[in-house]
Amino acid sequence: MQAQYLVEHAPKGNYVLIAGSPNDEGAKALHGAQMSVLQPYIARGDIKVLADAYTKDWLPSEAYLFTLKAIESSPAKSLLCSLPMTDSPAARFQASANMTRRQSASFTGKMRI
């Protein structure tokens, strides 16, 4: 699962969470499962969620703009993205931040970089 991967590779830091469409029951179930993994880390103060939102109609552009707004004042260490798009917000965020997977941020999602 995506959230488990993140807590294993980035157990502390600022997270941005992007879920799928609020009208999709599968997206809601996935978000709930991800939160059950993250909640103990949040409760301990190891993870700070900068932003957490669903994405209208699964639109990557909406998720990307949400991500940029979320990190304006605080850098994110991890981005948990449920969108199954090649041009995912995570990939675009990573490219715009000039990061690689081996640098300071961790990303999840069904993406190719």
N, C-alpha and C. Protein backbone atom coordinates (compact mmCIF):
# COMPACT_ATOMS: atom_id res chain seq x y z
N MET A 1 0.84 -1.19 0.00
CA MET A 1 0.00 0.00 0.00
C MET A 1 0.89 1.24 0.00
N GLN A 2 0.38 2.29 -0.60
CA GLN A 2 1.13 3.53 -0.74
C GLN A 2 1.53 4.14 0.60
N ALA A 3 0.61 4.23 1.53
CA ALA A 3 0.90 4.86 2.82
C ALA A 3 1.96 4.07 3.58
N GLN A 4 1.91 2.77 3.51
CA GLN A 4 2.90 1.94 4.20
C GLN A 4 4.29 2.19 3.61
N TYR A 5 4.37 2.31 2.30
CA TYR A 5 5.65 2.62 1.65
C TYR A 5 6.21 3.93 2.18
N LEU A 6 5.35 4.94 2.27
CA LEU A 6 5.82 6.25 2.73
C LEU A 6 6.32 6.22 4.16
N VAL A 7 5.58 5.59 5.07
CA VAL A 7 6.04 5.59 6.46
C VAL A 7 7.31 4.77 6.63
N GLU A 8 7.55 3.82 5.76
CA GLU A 8 8.80 3.06 5.81
C GLU A 8 9.98 3.88 5.27
N HIS A 9 9.73 4.76 4.31
CA HIS A 9 10.80 5.52 3.68
C HIS A 9 10.90 6.97 4.14
N ALA A 10 9.84 7.49 4.69
CA ALA A 10 9.83 8.87 5.20
C ALA A 10 8.91 8.92 6.42
N PRO A 11 9.34 8.35 7.54
CA PRO A 11 8.47 8.23 8.70
C PRO A 11 8.21 9.55 9.45
N LYS A 12 8.90 10.60 9.06
CA LYS A 12 8.71 11.90 9.70
C LYS A 12 8.70 12.98 8.63
N GLY A 13 7.97 14.05 8.91
CA GLY A 13 7.99 15.18 7.99
C GLY A 13 6.60 15.63 7.58
N ASN A 14 6.59 16.58 6.66
CA ASN A 14 5.36 17.16 6.14
C ASN A 14 4.85 16.34 4.97
N TYR A 15 3.56 16.03 5.00
CA TYR A 15 2.92 15.23 3.95
C TYR A 15 1.82 16.04 3.28
N VAL A 16 1.65 15.81 1.99
CA VAL A 16 0.49 16.29 1.24
C VAL A 16 -0.24 15.05 0.74
N LEU A 17 -1.53 14.98 1.01
CA LEU A 17 -2.34 13.82 0.62
C LEU A 17 -3.34 14.23 -0.45
N ILE A 18 -3.33 13.50 -1.56
CA ILE A 18 -4.25 13.78 -2.65
C ILE A 18 -5.04 12.51 -2.95
N ALA A 19 -6.33 12.59 -2.73
CA ALA A 19 -7.20 11.44 -2.99
C ALA A 19 -7.88 11.62 -4.34
N GLY A 20 -8.57 10.59 -4.77
CA GLY A 20 -9.30 10.64 -6.03
C GLY A 20 -10.58 11.44 -5.90
N SER A 21 -11.51 11.18 -6.75
CA SER A 21 -12.77 11.92 -6.79
C SER A 21 -13.61 11.69 -5.53
N PRO A 22 -14.20 12.76 -4.99
CA PRO A 22 -15.06 12.60 -3.82
C PRO A 22 -16.34 11.82 -4.14
N ASN A 23 -16.63 11.64 -5.41
CA ASN A 23 -17.82 10.89 -5.82
C ASN A 23 -17.53 9.41 -6.06
N ASP A 24 -16.31 8.99 -5.85
CA ASP A 24 -15.89 7.62 -6.11
C ASP A 24 -15.73 6.88 -4.78
N GLU A 25 -16.56 5.87 -4.56
CA GLU A 25 -16.50 5.13 -3.29
C GLU A 25 -15.16 4.42 -3.12
N GLY A 26 -14.55 4.00 -4.22
CA GLY A 26 -13.23 3.37 -4.15
C GLY A 26 -12.18 4.35 -3.66
N ALA A 27 -12.28 5.59 -4.11
CA ALA A 27 -11.34 6.63 -3.67
C ALA A 27 -11.49 6.89 -2.18
N LYS A 28 -12.73 6.89 -1.70
CA LYS A 28 -12.98 7.10 -0.28
C LYS A 28 -12.43 5.95 0.55
N ALA A 29 -12.61 4.73 0.07
CA ALA A 29 -12.10 3.55 0.79
C ALA A 29 -10.57 3.57 0.83
N LEU A 30 -9.94 3.91 -0.29
CA LEU A 30 -8.48 3.97 -0.33
C LEU A 30 -7.96 5.04 0.62
N HIS A 31 -8.59 6.21 0.61
CA HIS A 31 -8.17 7.29 1.51
C HIS A 31 -8.30 6.86 2.97
N GLY A 32 -9.39 6.19 3.30
CA GLY A 32 -9.58 5.71 4.67
C GLY A 32 -8.51 4.71 5.08
N ALA A 33 -8.16 3.81 4.16
CA ALA A 33 -7.11 2.83 4.46
C ALA A 33 -5.75 3.51 4.64
N GLN A 34 -5.48 4.51 3.81
CA GLN A 34 -4.22 5.25 3.93
C GLN A 34 -4.15 5.98 5.26
N MET A 35 -5.27 6.59 5.66
CA MET A 35 -5.29 7.32 6.92
C MET A 35 -5.11 6.39 8.12
N SER A 36 -5.59 5.16 8.03
CA SER A 36 -5.41 4.22 9.14
C SER A 36 -3.94 3.88 9.33
N VAL A 37 -3.17 3.88 8.27
CA VAL A 37 -1.73 3.65 8.37
C VAL A 37 -1.03 4.90 8.91
N LEU A 38 -1.42 6.06 8.43
CA LEU A 38 -0.75 7.31 8.81
C LEU A 38 -1.11 7.80 10.21
N GLN A 39 -2.31 7.48 10.69
CA GLN A 39 -2.82 8.06 11.94
C GLN A 39 -1.88 7.92 13.13
N PRO A 40 -1.27 6.77 13.39
CA PRO A 40 -0.36 6.69 14.54
C PRO A 40 0.83 7.66 14.43
N TYR A 41 1.32 7.87 13.24
CA TYR A 41 2.44 8.79 13.01
C TYR A 41 1.99 10.24 13.20
N ILE A 42 0.76 10.52 12.77
CA ILE A 42 0.20 11.86 12.94
C ILE A 42 -0.02 12.13 14.43
N ALA A 43 -0.58 11.15 15.13
CA ALA A 43 -0.87 11.30 16.56
C ALA A 43 0.41 11.54 17.37
N ARG A 44 1.51 10.89 16.98
CA ARG A 44 2.80 11.07 17.67
C ARG A 44 3.48 12.38 17.31
N GLY A 45 3.00 13.01 16.25
CA GLY A 45 3.63 14.25 15.80
C GLY A 45 4.77 14.02 14.83
N ASP A 46 4.97 12.78 14.41
CA ASP A 46 6.04 12.48 13.45
C ASP A 46 5.69 12.99 12.05
N ILE A 47 4.41 12.92 11.71
CA ILE A 47 3.93 13.38 10.40
C ILE A 47 2.99 14.55 10.62
N LYS A 48 3.22 15.61 9.85
CA LYS A 48 2.31 16.75 9.82
C LYS A 48 1.67 16.77 8.44
N VAL A 49 0.36 16.71 8.39
CA VAL A 49 -0.36 16.75 7.12
C VAL A 49 -0.59 18.22 6.78
N LEU A 50 0.11 18.69 5.74
CA LEU A 50 -0.03 20.08 5.30
C LEU A 50 -1.37 20.30 4.62
N ALA A 51 -1.81 19.30 3.88
CA ALA A 51 -3.06 19.40 3.14
C ALA A 51 -3.56 18.00 2.81
N ASP A 52 -4.87 17.86 2.77
CA ASP A 52 -5.50 16.57 2.50
C ASP A 52 -6.82 16.85 1.81
N ALA A 53 -6.95 16.42 0.56
CA ALA A 53 -8.19 16.71 -0.17
C ALA A 53 -8.44 15.69 -1.27
N TYR A 54 -9.72 15.62 -1.64
CA TYR A 54 -10.12 14.84 -2.80
C TYR A 54 -9.94 15.69 -4.04
N THR A 55 -9.85 15.04 -5.20
CA THR A 55 -9.62 15.73 -6.47
C THR A 55 -10.86 15.64 -7.34
N LYS A 56 -11.41 16.79 -7.70
CA LYS A 56 -12.61 16.84 -8.53
C LYS A 56 -12.40 16.08 -9.83
N ASP A 57 -13.26 15.12 -10.08
CA ASP A 57 -13.27 14.34 -11.33
C ASP A 57 -11.94 13.67 -11.66
N TRP A 58 -11.11 13.41 -10.69
CA TRP A 58 -9.81 12.77 -10.89
C TRP A 58 -8.89 13.59 -11.80
N LEU A 59 -9.07 14.88 -11.88
CA LEU A 59 -8.29 15.71 -12.79
C LEU A 59 -6.88 15.96 -12.27
N PRO A 60 -5.86 15.52 -13.01
CA PRO A 60 -4.48 15.74 -12.56
C PRO A 60 -4.15 17.23 -12.40
N SER A 61 -4.71 18.07 -13.25
CA SER A 61 -4.42 19.50 -13.15
C SER A 61 -4.94 20.08 -11.83
N GLU A 62 -6.11 19.62 -11.40
CA GLU A 62 -6.67 20.07 -10.12
C GLU A 62 -5.77 19.63 -8.96
N ALA A 63 -5.33 18.40 -9.01
CA ALA A 63 -4.47 17.88 -7.94
C ALA A 63 -3.12 18.59 -7.91
N TYR A 64 -2.58 18.87 -9.06
CA TYR A 64 -1.29 19.56 -9.14
C TYR A 64 -1.40 20.98 -8.55
N LEU A 65 -2.44 21.71 -8.92
CA LEU A 65 -2.62 23.06 -8.38
C LEU A 65 -2.84 23.02 -6.87
N PHE A 66 -3.59 22.03 -6.40
CA PHE A 66 -3.79 21.84 -4.97
C PHE A 66 -2.45 21.62 -4.26
N THR A 67 -1.60 20.78 -4.87
CA THR A 67 -0.30 20.49 -4.29
C THR A 67 0.56 21.74 -4.21
N LEU A 68 0.62 22.50 -5.28
CA LEU A 68 1.42 23.73 -5.27
C LEU A 68 0.96 24.69 -4.19
N LYS A 69 -0.35 24.85 -4.06
CA LYS A 69 -0.89 25.74 -3.03
C LYS A 69 -0.56 25.22 -1.64
N ALA A 70 -0.63 23.92 -1.46
CA ALA A 70 -0.38 23.31 -0.15
C ALA A 70 1.06 23.52 0.32
N ILE A 71 2.00 23.58 -0.61
CA ILE A 71 3.41 23.67 -0.20
C ILE A 71 3.97 25.08 -0.32
N GLU A 72 3.13 26.08 -0.55
CA GLU A 72 3.61 27.45 -0.68
C GLU A 72 4.39 27.90 0.55
N SER A 73 3.88 27.60 1.72
CA SER A 73 4.52 28.09 2.94
C SER A 73 5.40 27.07 3.64
N SER A 74 5.20 25.80 3.38
CA SER A 74 6.00 24.75 4.01
C SER A 74 6.33 23.68 2.99
N PRO A 75 7.60 23.29 2.90
CA PRO A 75 7.94 22.23 1.95
C PRO A 75 7.40 20.87 2.40
N ALA A 76 6.99 20.09 1.44
CA ALA A 76 6.50 18.74 1.73
C ALA A 76 7.64 17.76 1.59
N LYS A 77 7.71 16.83 2.53
CA LYS A 77 8.69 15.76 2.42
C LYS A 77 8.10 14.61 1.62
N SER A 78 6.80 14.43 1.70
CA SER A 78 6.15 13.31 1.04
C SER A 78 4.83 13.73 0.43
N LEU A 79 4.54 13.11 -0.71
CA LEU A 79 3.29 13.35 -1.42
C LEU A 79 2.63 12.01 -1.66
N LEU A 80 1.45 11.83 -1.08
CA LEU A 80 0.69 10.60 -1.24
C LEU A 80 -0.43 10.88 -2.23
N CYS A 81 -0.26 10.36 -3.44
CA CYS A 81 -1.16 10.68 -4.54
C CYS A 81 -1.86 9.41 -5.01
N SER A 82 -3.17 9.44 -4.98
CA SER A 82 -3.96 8.27 -5.39
C SER A 82 -4.34 8.28 -6.85
N LEU A 83 -3.95 9.29 -7.58
CA LEU A 83 -4.36 9.39 -8.98
C LEU A 83 -3.54 8.45 -9.86
N PRO A 84 -4.19 7.59 -10.63
CA PRO A 84 -3.48 6.63 -11.47
C PRO A 84 -3.18 7.18 -12.86
N MET A 85 -2.49 8.29 -12.91
CA MET A 85 -2.20 8.93 -14.18
C MET A 85 -0.69 8.98 -14.41
N THR A 86 -0.25 8.79 -15.65
CA THR A 86 1.17 8.94 -15.96
C THR A 86 1.61 10.37 -15.70
N ASP A 87 0.78 11.32 -16.09
CA ASP A 87 1.08 12.73 -15.85
C ASP A 87 0.48 13.10 -14.50
N SER A 88 0.90 12.39 -13.47
CA SER A 88 0.30 12.59 -12.16
C SER A 88 0.82 13.85 -11.49
N PRO A 89 0.08 14.35 -10.51
CA PRO A 89 0.56 15.50 -9.75
C PRO A 89 1.90 15.23 -9.10
N ALA A 90 2.10 13.99 -8.65
CA ALA A 90 3.37 13.66 -8.02
C ALA A 90 4.53 13.80 -9.00
N ALA A 91 4.35 13.30 -10.20
CA ALA A 91 5.41 13.39 -11.21
C ALA A 91 5.67 14.85 -11.59
N ARG A 92 4.62 15.62 -11.78
CA ARG A 92 4.78 17.03 -12.13
C ARG A 92 5.41 17.81 -10.99
N PHE A 93 5.00 17.51 -9.75
CA PHE A 93 5.57 18.18 -8.59
C PHE A 93 7.06 17.87 -8.49
N GLN A 94 7.40 16.61 -8.65
CA GLN A 94 8.78 16.19 -8.57
C GLN A 94 9.61 16.88 -9.64
N ALA A 95 9.11 16.94 -10.84
CA ALA A 95 9.84 17.58 -11.94
C ALA A 95 9.99 19.08 -11.68
N SER A 96 8.94 19.73 -11.20
CA SER A 96 9.03 21.17 -10.97
C SER A 96 9.95 21.51 -9.81
N ALA A 97 10.11 20.58 -8.89
CA ALA A 97 11.00 20.81 -7.75
C ALA A 97 12.42 20.33 -8.04
N ASN A 98 12.66 19.84 -9.27
CA ASN A 98 13.96 19.31 -9.67
C ASN A 98 14.45 18.24 -8.70
N MET A 99 13.58 17.32 -8.33
CA MET A 99 13.92 16.26 -7.40
C MET A 99 14.01 14.93 -8.12
N THR A 100 14.76 14.05 -7.54
CA THR A 100 14.76 12.66 -7.99
C THR A 100 14.26 11.83 -6.82
N ARG A 101 13.95 10.59 -7.06
CA ARG A 101 13.47 9.73 -5.99
C ARG A 101 14.51 9.60 -4.87
N ARG A 102 15.76 9.81 -5.15
CA ARG A 102 16.79 9.64 -4.13
C ARG A 102 17.04 10.89 -3.32
N GLN A 103 16.41 11.99 -3.70
CA GLN A 103 16.59 13.21 -2.94
C GLN A 103 15.63 13.24 -1.76
N SER A 104 15.37 14.43 -1.24
CA SER A 104 14.73 14.57 0.06
C SER A 104 13.26 14.24 0.13
N ALA A 105 12.59 14.06 -0.95
CA ALA A 105 11.15 13.83 -0.89
C ALA A 105 10.80 12.41 -1.32
N SER A 106 9.68 11.92 -0.81
CA SER A 106 9.17 10.60 -1.18
C SER A 106 7.80 10.79 -1.83
N PHE A 107 7.53 9.97 -2.83
CA PHE A 107 6.29 10.09 -3.59
C PHE A 107 5.68 8.71 -3.75
N THR A 108 4.37 8.69 -3.81
CA THR A 108 3.68 7.45 -4.17
C THR A 108 2.65 7.77 -5.23
N GLY A 109 2.17 6.75 -5.83
CA GLY A 109 1.16 6.89 -6.86
C GLY A 109 1.54 5.99 -8.00
N LYS A 110 0.62 5.75 -8.87
CA LYS A 110 0.90 4.92 -10.04
C LYS A 110 1.47 5.83 -11.11
N MET A 111 2.78 5.95 -11.11
CA MET A 111 3.42 6.90 -12.01
C MET A 111 4.71 6.33 -12.56
N ARG A 112 5.15 6.93 -13.65
CA ARG A 112 6.45 6.61 -14.23
C ARG A 112 7.23 7.89 -14.31
N ILE A 113 8.49 7.81 -13.88
CA ILE A 113 9.35 8.99 -13.95
C ILE A 113 10.60 8.63 -14.73
